[in-house]
Each structure stands twice: as C-alpha cells, then as structure tokens.
C-alpha cells in the first residue's frame, strides 16, 4: 500500500507519549491524505489542488490527539 500524506507526521501519541501509527482508516476519515492501493497521478493532482485543506485537516487532527 502506498501512503501519501503531505505536511503531517503519521503518528499520534498516547497519554504517556508513546507514538502510535495513524491507521489508513483515520487518514481517510479525517482527510489527512491519501491511503489506498495503486494511487496515481490523479491522486497527486488531488493533493496539490486541495493541499490547504489537507494541511488544515492535519493540523486539526494533531490538535485533537
């Protein structure tokens, strides 16, 4: 599986500060980036065209976790 997430770290921390990887489900539900098999140039265009939205979603997600 290819995972492309721009401007975000793909980990969150639990209450003890232990890093926990973010799942593909969370990436897709929270619109943090693209997490799917066989992404291609149309997915890259999606990220480029909507980069501000992805960045905002990543910042908001980081603030929630």
N, C-alpha and C. Protein backbone atom coordinates (compact mmCIF):
# COMPACT_ATOMS: atom_id res chain seq x y z
N UNK A 1 0.84 -1.17 0.00
CA UNK A 1 0.00 0.00 0.00
C UNK A 1 0.89 1.23 0.00
N UNK A 2 0.53 2.18 -0.83
CA UNK A 2 1.20 3.47 -0.84
C UNK A 2 0.43 4.43 0.04
N UNK A 3 1.14 5.17 0.84
CA UNK A 3 0.51 6.20 1.66
C UNK A 3 1.18 7.52 1.35
N UNK A 4 0.41 8.47 0.97
CA UNK A 4 0.93 9.80 0.70
C UNK A 4 0.19 10.78 1.59
N UNK A 5 0.92 11.37 2.49
CA UNK A 5 0.36 12.42 3.34
C UNK A 5 1.39 13.53 3.35
N UNK A 6 0.96 14.71 3.01
CA UNK A 6 1.86 15.85 2.97
C UNK A 6 1.68 16.70 4.22
N UNK A 7 2.77 17.23 4.70
CA UNK A 7 2.74 18.18 5.81
C UNK A 7 2.19 17.59 7.11
N UNK A 8 2.34 16.30 7.31
CA UNK A 8 1.86 15.69 8.55
C UNK A 8 2.76 14.53 8.92
N UNK A 9 2.86 14.30 10.18
CA UNK A 9 3.57 13.13 10.68
C UNK A 9 2.53 12.05 10.90
N UNK A 10 2.82 10.86 10.46
CA UNK A 10 1.83 9.79 10.51
C UNK A 10 1.82 9.03 11.83
N UNK A 11 2.01 9.75 12.90
CA UNK A 11 1.95 9.17 14.24
C UNK A 11 1.19 10.10 15.16
N UNK A 12 0.57 9.51 16.13
CA UNK A 12 -0.03 10.28 17.21
C UNK A 12 0.55 9.72 18.50
N UNK A 13 0.42 10.42 19.57
CA UNK A 13 0.98 9.95 20.84
C UNK A 13 -0.14 9.66 21.82
N UNK A 14 0.04 8.60 22.61
CA UNK A 14 -0.94 8.32 23.65
C UNK A 14 -0.63 9.18 24.86
N UNK A 15 -1.38 8.99 25.95
CA UNK A 15 -1.22 9.84 27.13
C UNK A 15 0.16 9.74 27.77
N UNK A 16 0.90 8.66 27.47
CA UNK A 16 2.25 8.50 28.01
C UNK A 16 3.32 8.98 27.03
N UNK A 17 2.88 9.49 25.89
CA UNK A 17 3.83 9.97 24.90
C UNK A 17 4.34 8.90 23.96
N UNK A 18 3.77 7.71 24.04
CA UNK A 18 4.18 6.62 23.14
C UNK A 18 3.58 6.88 21.77
N UNK A 19 4.43 6.84 20.74
CA UNK A 19 3.95 7.09 19.39
C UNK A 19 3.15 5.90 18.87
N UNK A 20 2.00 6.21 18.28
CA UNK A 20 1.11 5.21 17.71
C UNK A 20 0.88 5.58 16.25
N UNK A 21 1.12 4.65 15.34
CA UNK A 21 0.88 4.99 13.93
C UNK A 21 -0.60 5.25 13.66
N UNK A 22 -0.86 6.22 12.83
CA UNK A 22 -2.22 6.52 12.41
C UNK A 22 -2.60 5.50 11.34
N UNK A 23 -3.79 4.93 11.45
CA UNK A 23 -4.22 3.92 10.50
C UNK A 23 -4.71 4.54 9.20
N UNK A 24 -4.78 3.73 8.18
CA UNK A 24 -5.31 4.21 6.90
C UNK A 24 -6.76 4.64 7.05
N UNK A 25 -7.48 4.01 7.96
CA UNK A 25 -8.87 4.39 8.20
C UNK A 25 -8.92 5.83 8.70
N UNK A 26 -8.08 6.17 9.66
CA UNK A 26 -8.05 7.54 10.19
C UNK A 26 -7.61 8.52 9.11
N UNK A 27 -6.63 8.15 8.31
CA UNK A 27 -6.15 9.04 7.24
C UNK A 27 -7.29 9.37 6.30
N UNK A 28 -8.06 8.36 5.92
CA UNK A 28 -9.17 8.59 5.00
C UNK A 28 -10.35 9.29 5.68
N UNK A 29 -10.72 8.88 6.87
CA UNK A 29 -11.86 9.50 7.56
C UNK A 29 -11.62 10.96 7.88
N UNK A 30 -10.41 11.27 8.30
CA UNK A 30 -10.08 12.65 8.69
C UNK A 30 -9.57 13.48 7.52
N UNK A 31 -9.48 12.86 6.35
CA UNK A 31 -8.99 13.53 5.14
C UNK A 31 -7.60 14.15 5.36
N UNK A 32 -6.69 13.30 5.89
CA UNK A 32 -5.33 13.73 6.16
C UNK A 32 -4.43 13.56 4.95
N UNK A 33 -4.84 12.76 4.02
CA UNK A 33 -4.04 12.47 2.84
C UNK A 33 -4.67 11.33 2.07
N UNK A 34 -3.86 10.64 1.31
CA UNK A 34 -4.34 9.52 0.51
C UNK A 34 -3.73 8.24 1.06
N UNK A 35 -4.58 7.31 1.41
CA UNK A 35 -4.12 6.00 1.88
C UNK A 35 -4.95 4.95 1.16
N UNK A 36 -4.41 4.47 0.06
CA UNK A 36 -5.09 3.44 -0.72
C UNK A 36 -4.07 2.74 -1.61
N UNK A 37 -4.46 1.60 -2.10
CA UNK A 37 -3.61 0.89 -3.05
C UNK A 37 -3.67 1.56 -4.41
N UNK A 38 -2.56 1.51 -5.10
CA UNK A 38 -2.49 1.93 -6.51
C UNK A 38 -2.86 3.37 -6.78
N UNK A 39 -2.42 4.29 -5.92
CA UNK A 39 -2.70 5.68 -6.23
C UNK A 39 -1.83 6.10 -7.40
N UNK A 40 -2.27 7.13 -8.10
CA UNK A 40 -1.60 7.54 -9.33
C UNK A 40 -1.58 9.06 -9.45
N UNK A 41 -1.35 9.54 -10.68
CA UNK A 41 -1.20 10.97 -10.88
C UNK A 41 -2.48 11.74 -10.56
N UNK A 42 -3.64 11.13 -10.70
CA UNK A 42 -4.86 11.86 -10.35
C UNK A 42 -4.92 12.11 -8.84
N UNK A 43 -4.36 11.18 -8.06
CA UNK A 43 -4.31 11.39 -6.61
C UNK A 43 -3.33 12.50 -6.26
N UNK A 44 -2.21 12.56 -6.98
CA UNK A 44 -1.26 13.65 -6.75
C UNK A 44 -1.88 15.00 -7.08
N UNK A 45 -2.63 15.05 -8.17
CA UNK A 45 -3.33 16.29 -8.53
C UNK A 45 -4.33 16.66 -7.44
N UNK A 46 -5.03 15.67 -6.89
CA UNK A 46 -5.97 15.91 -5.78
C UNK A 46 -5.26 16.55 -4.60
N UNK A 47 -4.11 16.01 -4.23
CA UNK A 47 -3.34 16.56 -3.10
C UNK A 47 -2.88 17.98 -3.40
N UNK A 48 -2.39 18.20 -4.60
CA UNK A 48 -1.91 19.54 -4.98
C UNK A 48 -3.06 20.54 -4.98
N UNK A 49 -4.15 20.16 -5.63
CA UNK A 49 -5.29 21.08 -5.76
C UNK A 49 -5.95 21.40 -4.42
N UNK A 50 -5.88 20.48 -3.49
CA UNK A 50 -6.56 20.65 -2.20
C UNK A 50 -5.58 20.65 -1.03
N UNK A 51 -4.35 21.05 -1.30
CA UNK A 51 -3.31 20.99 -0.28
C UNK A 51 -3.67 21.77 0.98
N UNK A 52 -4.21 22.96 0.84
CA UNK A 52 -4.56 23.78 2.01
C UNK A 52 -5.53 23.03 2.90
N UNK A 53 -6.48 22.37 2.32
CA UNK A 53 -7.46 21.61 3.08
C UNK A 53 -6.80 20.44 3.82
N UNK A 54 -5.90 19.72 3.13
CA UNK A 54 -5.20 18.61 3.77
C UNK A 54 -4.32 19.11 4.92
N UNK A 55 -3.64 20.21 4.71
CA UNK A 55 -2.79 20.78 5.77
C UNK A 55 -3.65 21.16 6.97
N UNK A 56 -4.75 21.85 6.71
CA UNK A 56 -5.65 22.24 7.81
C UNK A 56 -6.18 21.02 8.56
N UNK A 57 -6.55 19.98 7.82
CA UNK A 57 -7.05 18.77 8.45
C UNK A 57 -5.97 18.11 9.32
N UNK A 58 -4.74 18.11 8.85
CA UNK A 58 -3.63 17.52 9.62
C UNK A 58 -3.37 18.31 10.90
N UNK A 59 -3.40 19.63 10.79
CA UNK A 59 -3.18 20.47 11.98
C UNK A 59 -4.30 20.25 12.98
N UNK A 60 -5.54 20.21 12.50
CA UNK A 60 -6.68 19.97 13.40
C UNK A 60 -6.61 18.59 14.03
N UNK A 61 -6.22 17.59 13.26
CA UNK A 61 -6.11 16.22 13.78
C UNK A 61 -5.03 16.15 14.86
N UNK A 62 -3.91 16.80 14.60
CA UNK A 62 -2.82 16.81 15.59
C UNK A 62 -3.27 17.46 16.89
N UNK A 63 -4.11 18.48 16.78
CA UNK A 63 -4.62 19.17 17.97
C UNK A 63 -5.62 18.33 18.76
N UNK A 64 -6.30 17.41 18.10
CA UNK A 64 -7.29 16.56 18.76
C UNK A 64 -6.65 15.38 19.48
N UNK A 65 -5.47 14.98 19.04
CA UNK A 65 -4.84 13.76 19.56
C UNK A 65 -3.56 14.03 20.31
